[in-house]
Amino acid sequence: MEAQDEVLIAEVSKQDDILRDLWDEHQRFKEELAALNGKAYLTAEDALERKRLKKCKLAGKDRIEAILKQHR
């Protein structure tokens, strides 16, 4: 996300609980993906989890973008 989007998220999330929850979830997915990407070797389960996290993170980002679009 761009810095200006993050500023807008910080402002809007003060009143929008859904956006705040989506942003928190997005950050958790980002951290979990970083942990998996830091592994030298991924098990089959890790690879499936990585794929799931990427899909969830992208879906959440799409929802965040839709909310931000309403506030721009």
N, C-alpha and C. Protein backbone atom coordinates (compact mmCIF):
# COMPACT_ATOMS: atom_id res chain seq x y z
N MET A 1 0.84 -1.17 0.00
CA MET A 1 0.00 0.00 0.00
C MET A 1 0.88 1.24 0.00
N GLU A 2 0.36 2.27 -0.61
CA GLU A 2 1.09 3.52 -0.65
C GLU A 2 0.98 4.25 0.68
N ALA A 3 1.92 5.12 0.94
CA ALA A 3 1.95 5.86 2.21
C ALA A 3 0.68 6.69 2.39
N GLN A 4 0.20 7.30 1.31
CA GLN A 4 -1.01 8.11 1.42
C GLN A 4 -2.22 7.26 1.77
N ASP A 5 -2.25 6.02 1.30
CA ASP A 5 -3.34 5.11 1.66
C ASP A 5 -3.27 4.77 3.14
N GLU A 6 -2.08 4.57 3.65
CA GLU A 6 -1.93 4.24 5.06
C GLU A 6 -2.35 5.40 5.95
N VAL A 7 -2.10 6.62 5.51
CA VAL A 7 -2.54 7.80 6.25
C VAL A 7 -4.07 7.85 6.27
N LEU A 8 -4.67 7.61 5.11
CA LEU A 8 -6.13 7.61 5.01
C LEU A 8 -6.73 6.49 5.87
N ILE A 9 -6.11 5.34 5.87
CA ILE A 9 -6.57 4.22 6.69
C ILE A 9 -6.54 4.61 8.16
N ALA A 10 -5.46 5.25 8.59
CA ALA A 10 -5.34 5.66 9.99
C ALA A 10 -6.45 6.63 10.37
N GLU A 11 -6.78 7.54 9.47
CA GLU A 11 -7.83 8.52 9.76
C GLU A 11 -9.21 7.88 9.76
N VAL A 12 -9.52 7.12 8.72
CA VAL A 12 -10.86 6.56 8.56
C VAL A 12 -11.12 5.46 9.58
N SER A 13 -10.11 4.70 9.93
CA SER A 13 -10.31 3.58 10.86
C SER A 13 -10.69 4.04 12.26
N LYS A 14 -10.49 5.32 12.56
CA LYS A 14 -10.91 5.83 13.86
C LYS A 14 -12.43 5.75 14.02
N GLN A 15 -13.16 5.87 12.90
CA GLN A 15 -14.63 5.80 12.95
C GLN A 15 -15.18 4.51 12.34
N ASP A 16 -14.37 3.81 11.58
CA ASP A 16 -14.86 2.64 10.84
C ASP A 16 -14.24 1.36 11.42
N ASP A 17 -15.03 0.66 12.24
CA ASP A 17 -14.55 -0.56 12.88
C ASP A 17 -14.21 -1.65 11.87
N ILE A 18 -14.97 -1.72 10.81
CA ILE A 18 -14.73 -2.75 9.79
C ILE A 18 -13.37 -2.53 9.14
N LEU A 19 -13.09 -1.29 8.77
CA LEU A 19 -11.80 -0.97 8.17
C LEU A 19 -10.66 -1.28 9.14
N ARG A 20 -10.83 -0.91 10.39
CA ARG A 20 -9.81 -1.17 11.40
C ARG A 20 -9.54 -2.66 11.51
N ASP A 21 -10.61 -3.46 11.56
CA ASP A 21 -10.44 -4.92 11.66
C ASP A 21 -9.76 -5.49 10.41
N LEU A 22 -10.17 -5.00 9.25
CA LEU A 22 -9.55 -5.47 8.00
C LEU A 22 -8.07 -5.12 7.96
N TRP A 23 -7.74 -3.91 8.40
CA TRP A 23 -6.33 -3.49 8.39
C TRP A 23 -5.51 -4.34 9.36
N ASP A 24 -6.05 -4.58 10.55
CA ASP A 24 -5.34 -5.42 11.52
C ASP A 24 -5.12 -6.82 10.97
N GLU A 25 -6.15 -7.37 10.33
CA GLU A 25 -6.04 -8.69 9.72
C GLU A 25 -4.99 -8.69 8.61
N HIS A 26 -5.00 -7.65 7.79
CA HIS A 26 -4.03 -7.51 6.70
C HIS A 26 -2.60 -7.52 7.25
N GLN A 27 -2.39 -6.80 8.34
CA GLN A 27 -1.07 -6.74 8.95
C GLN A 27 -0.66 -8.11 9.51
N ARG A 28 -1.60 -8.83 10.12
CA ARG A 28 -1.30 -10.18 10.63
C ARG A 28 -0.91 -11.12 9.49
N PHE A 29 -1.67 -11.07 8.40
CA PHE A 29 -1.35 -11.91 7.24
C PHE A 29 0.04 -11.57 6.71
N LYS A 30 0.36 -10.30 6.66
CA LYS A 30 1.66 -9.84 6.18
C LYS A 30 2.78 -10.41 7.05
N GLU A 31 2.61 -10.37 8.36
CA GLU A 31 3.61 -10.90 9.28
C GLU A 31 3.75 -12.41 9.15
N GLU A 32 2.62 -13.11 9.03
CA GLU A 32 2.67 -14.56 8.90
C GLU A 32 3.34 -14.96 7.59
N LEU A 33 3.06 -14.23 6.51
CA LEU A 33 3.70 -14.52 5.24
C LEU A 33 5.20 -14.26 5.31
N ALA A 34 5.59 -13.20 5.99
CA ALA A 34 7.01 -12.91 6.13
C ALA A 34 7.72 -14.05 6.87
N ALA A 35 7.07 -14.57 7.89
CA ALA A 35 7.65 -15.69 8.64
C ALA A 35 7.81 -16.92 7.75
N LEU A 36 6.78 -17.21 6.97
CA LEU A 36 6.87 -18.37 6.07
C LEU A 36 7.92 -18.14 4.98
N ASN A 37 7.97 -16.94 4.45
CA ASN A 37 8.93 -16.64 3.38
C ASN A 37 10.37 -16.66 3.90
N GLY A 38 10.53 -16.49 5.21
CA GLY A 38 11.86 -16.52 5.80
C GLY A 38 12.41 -17.93 6.01
N LYS A 39 11.56 -18.91 5.86
CA LYS A 39 12.01 -20.29 6.04
C LYS A 39 12.84 -20.74 4.83
N ALA A 40 13.85 -21.51 5.10
CA ALA A 40 14.69 -22.04 4.03
C ALA A 40 13.94 -23.11 3.22
N TYR A 41 13.06 -23.82 3.91
CA TYR A 41 12.32 -24.91 3.26
C TYR A 41 10.88 -24.87 3.76
N LEU A 42 9.94 -25.01 2.83
CA LEU A 42 8.53 -25.06 3.19
C LEU A 42 8.02 -26.49 3.06
N THR A 43 7.36 -26.97 4.10
CA THR A 43 6.70 -28.26 4.01
C THR A 43 5.48 -28.10 3.11
N ALA A 44 4.84 -29.18 2.79
CA ALA A 44 3.63 -29.11 1.97
C ALA A 44 2.55 -28.31 2.69
N GLU A 45 2.48 -28.49 3.99
CA GLU A 45 1.49 -27.74 4.79
C GLU A 45 1.81 -26.25 4.80
N ASP A 46 3.10 -25.93 4.92
CA ASP A 46 3.53 -24.53 4.89
C ASP A 46 3.19 -23.89 3.54
N ALA A 47 3.41 -24.63 2.48
CA ALA A 47 3.13 -24.10 1.15
C ALA A 47 1.64 -23.83 0.97
N LEU A 48 0.81 -24.75 1.46
CA LEU A 48 -0.64 -24.54 1.39
C LEU A 48 -1.07 -23.35 2.25
N GLU A 49 -0.49 -23.22 3.42
CA GLU A 49 -0.80 -22.10 4.31
C GLU A 49 -0.37 -20.78 3.67
N ARG A 50 0.78 -20.78 3.04
CA ARG A 50 1.27 -19.59 2.36
C ARG A 50 0.30 -19.16 1.25
N LYS A 51 -0.16 -20.13 0.50
CA LYS A 51 -1.11 -19.84 -0.58
C LYS A 51 -2.43 -19.30 -0.02
N ARG A 52 -2.91 -19.89 1.06
CA ARG A 52 -4.15 -19.45 1.69
C ARG A 52 -4.00 -18.02 2.22
N LEU A 53 -2.88 -17.76 2.88
CA LEU A 53 -2.64 -16.42 3.43
C LEU A 53 -2.60 -15.36 2.33
N LYS A 54 -1.96 -15.70 1.22
CA LYS A 54 -1.89 -14.75 0.11
C LYS A 54 -3.28 -14.43 -0.42
N LYS A 55 -4.11 -15.45 -0.55
CA LYS A 55 -5.47 -15.24 -1.05
C LYS A 55 -6.29 -14.39 -0.08
N CYS A 56 -6.18 -14.70 1.20
CA CYS A 56 -6.92 -13.94 2.22
C CYS A 56 -6.44 -12.50 2.28
N LYS A 57 -5.14 -12.31 2.19
CA LYS A 57 -4.57 -10.96 2.24
C LYS A 57 -5.05 -10.15 1.04
N LEU A 58 -5.06 -10.75 -0.13
CA LEU A 58 -5.52 -10.05 -1.33
C LEU A 58 -7.00 -9.72 -1.26
N ALA A 59 -7.80 -10.65 -0.78
CA ALA A 59 -9.24 -10.40 -0.64
C ALA A 59 -9.49 -9.25 0.34
N GLY A 60 -8.74 -9.25 1.44
CA GLY A 60 -8.87 -8.17 2.42
C GLY A 60 -8.43 -6.84 1.85
N LYS A 61 -7.36 -6.86 1.07
CA LYS A 61 -6.88 -5.62 0.45
C LYS A 61 -7.93 -5.06 -0.50
N ASP A 62 -8.59 -5.93 -1.24
CA ASP A 62 -9.66 -5.48 -2.14
C ASP A 62 -10.78 -4.81 -1.35
N ARG A 63 -11.14 -5.38 -0.22
CA ARG A 63 -12.20 -4.80 0.62
C ARG A 63 -11.75 -3.47 1.21
N ILE A 64 -10.49 -3.39 1.62
CA ILE A 64 -9.93 -2.13 2.14
C ILE A 64 -9.99 -1.06 1.06
N GLU A 65 -9.57 -1.41 -0.14
CA GLU A 65 -9.57 -0.46 -1.26
C GLU A 65 -10.99 0.04 -1.55
N ALA A 66 -11.97 -0.83 -1.47
CA ALA A 66 -13.36 -0.43 -1.72
C ALA A 66 -13.82 0.58 -0.67
N ILE A 67 -13.45 0.35 0.58
CA ILE A 67 -13.82 1.29 1.64
C ILE A 67 -13.11 2.62 1.45
N LEU A 68 -11.83 2.58 1.12
CA LEU A 68 -11.06 3.81 0.91
C LEU A 68 -11.60 4.62 -0.26
N LYS A 69 -12.05 3.92 -1.27
CA LYS A 69 -12.61 4.60 -2.45
C LYS A 69 -13.80 5.48 -2.06
N GLN A 70 -14.58 5.03 -1.10
CA GLN A 70 -15.74 5.80 -0.64
C GLN A 70 -15.31 7.07 0.10
N HIS A 71 -14.09 7.08 0.65
CA HIS A 71 -13.63 8.20 1.47
C HIS A 71 -12.67 9.12 0.74
N ARG A 72 -12.39 8.84 -0.50
CA ARG A 72 -11.47 9.69 -1.26
C ARG A 72 -12.23 10.82 -1.89
